[in-house]
């Protein structure tokens, strides 16, 4: 799945650069920082992962796969 995700990202970059759409790196950096900040939520587990983290990640991956197949 990691290889397929990397291939999808690479093909998206090719599609974005074809019509000269610039990459907005400041936005990418802000999104990454927001994701890291969201991990520090007050669930009583600042050092360890929450028990539901795996379920949430699987649900997000499933949504991505379903979205890809519907295209």
Protein backbone atom coordinates (compact mmCIF):
# COMPACT_ATOMS: atom_id res chain seq x y z
CA UNK A 1 0.00 0.00 0.00
CA UNK A 2 2.92 2.35 0.73
CA UNK A 3 4.32 1.82 -2.76
CA UNK A 4 0.94 2.53 -4.35
CA UNK A 5 0.55 5.68 -2.26
CA UNK A 6 3.99 6.87 -3.35
CA UNK A 7 3.09 6.19 -6.99
CA UNK A 8 -0.17 8.13 -6.59
CA UNK A 9 1.69 11.06 -5.07
CA UNK A 10 4.24 11.05 -7.89
CA UNK A 11 1.54 10.93 -10.56
CA UNK A 12 -0.32 13.78 -8.83
CA UNK A 13 2.86 15.85 -8.91
CA UNK A 14 3.21 15.18 -12.64
CA UNK A 15 -0.40 16.20 -13.22
CA UNK A 16 0.05 19.37 -11.15
CA UNK A 17 3.25 20.43 -12.90
CA UNK A 18 1.90 19.85 -16.40
CA UNK A 19 -0.29 23.01 -16.43
CA UNK A 20 2.36 24.91 -14.43
CA UNK A 21 0.49 24.81 -11.13
CA UNK A 22 3.05 25.84 -8.51
CA UNK A 23 3.55 23.81 -5.36
CA UNK A 24 2.56 25.85 -2.34
CA UNK A 25 5.18 24.65 0.12
CA UNK A 26 4.15 27.02 2.93
CA UNK A 27 0.69 25.44 2.90
CA UNK A 28 2.23 21.97 2.98
CA UNK A 29 4.36 22.95 5.97
CA UNK A 30 1.34 24.40 7.79
CA UNK A 31 -0.67 21.21 7.18
CA UNK A 32 2.14 19.03 8.48
CA UNK A 33 2.49 21.16 11.59
CA UNK A 34 -1.29 21.08 12.14
CA UNK A 35 -1.21 17.30 11.96
CA UNK A 36 1.58 17.13 14.52
CA UNK A 37 -0.28 19.54 16.78
CA UNK A 38 -3.48 17.49 16.50
CA UNK A 39 -1.60 14.45 17.76
CA UNK A 40 -1.10 16.27 21.07
CA UNK A 41 -4.80 16.18 21.87
CA UNK A 42 -5.80 15.93 25.49
CA UNK A 43 -6.76 12.29 25.66
CA UNK A 44 -4.54 11.47 28.62
CA UNK A 45 -1.96 9.82 26.39
CA UNK A 46 0.54 12.44 25.32
CA UNK A 47 3.40 9.94 25.06
CA UNK A 48 1.53 6.87 23.82
CA UNK A 49 -0.99 6.44 21.05
CA UNK A 50 -4.69 6.37 21.81
CA UNK A 51 -6.32 2.92 21.53
CA UNK A 52 -8.64 4.27 18.82
CA UNK A 53 -5.84 5.73 16.67
CA UNK A 54 -5.49 2.54 14.64
CA UNK A 55 -9.23 2.43 13.95
CA UNK A 56 -9.31 6.07 12.87
CA UNK A 57 -6.33 5.56 10.57
CA UNK A 58 -7.89 2.46 9.01
CA UNK A 59 -11.15 4.34 8.46
CA UNK A 60 -9.25 7.15 6.73
CA UNK A 61 -7.39 4.67 4.50
CA UNK A 62 -10.65 2.91 3.65
CA UNK A 63 -12.23 6.23 2.73
CA UNK A 64 -9.26 7.00 0.49
CA UNK A 65 -9.47 3.63 -1.25
CA UNK A 66 -13.23 3.97 -1.76
CA UNK A 67 -12.76 7.46 -3.14
CA UNK A 68 -10.08 6.24 -5.53
CA UNK A 69 -12.23 3.40 -6.81
CA UNK A 70 -15.19 5.71 -7.35
CA UNK A 71 -13.12 7.90 -9.68
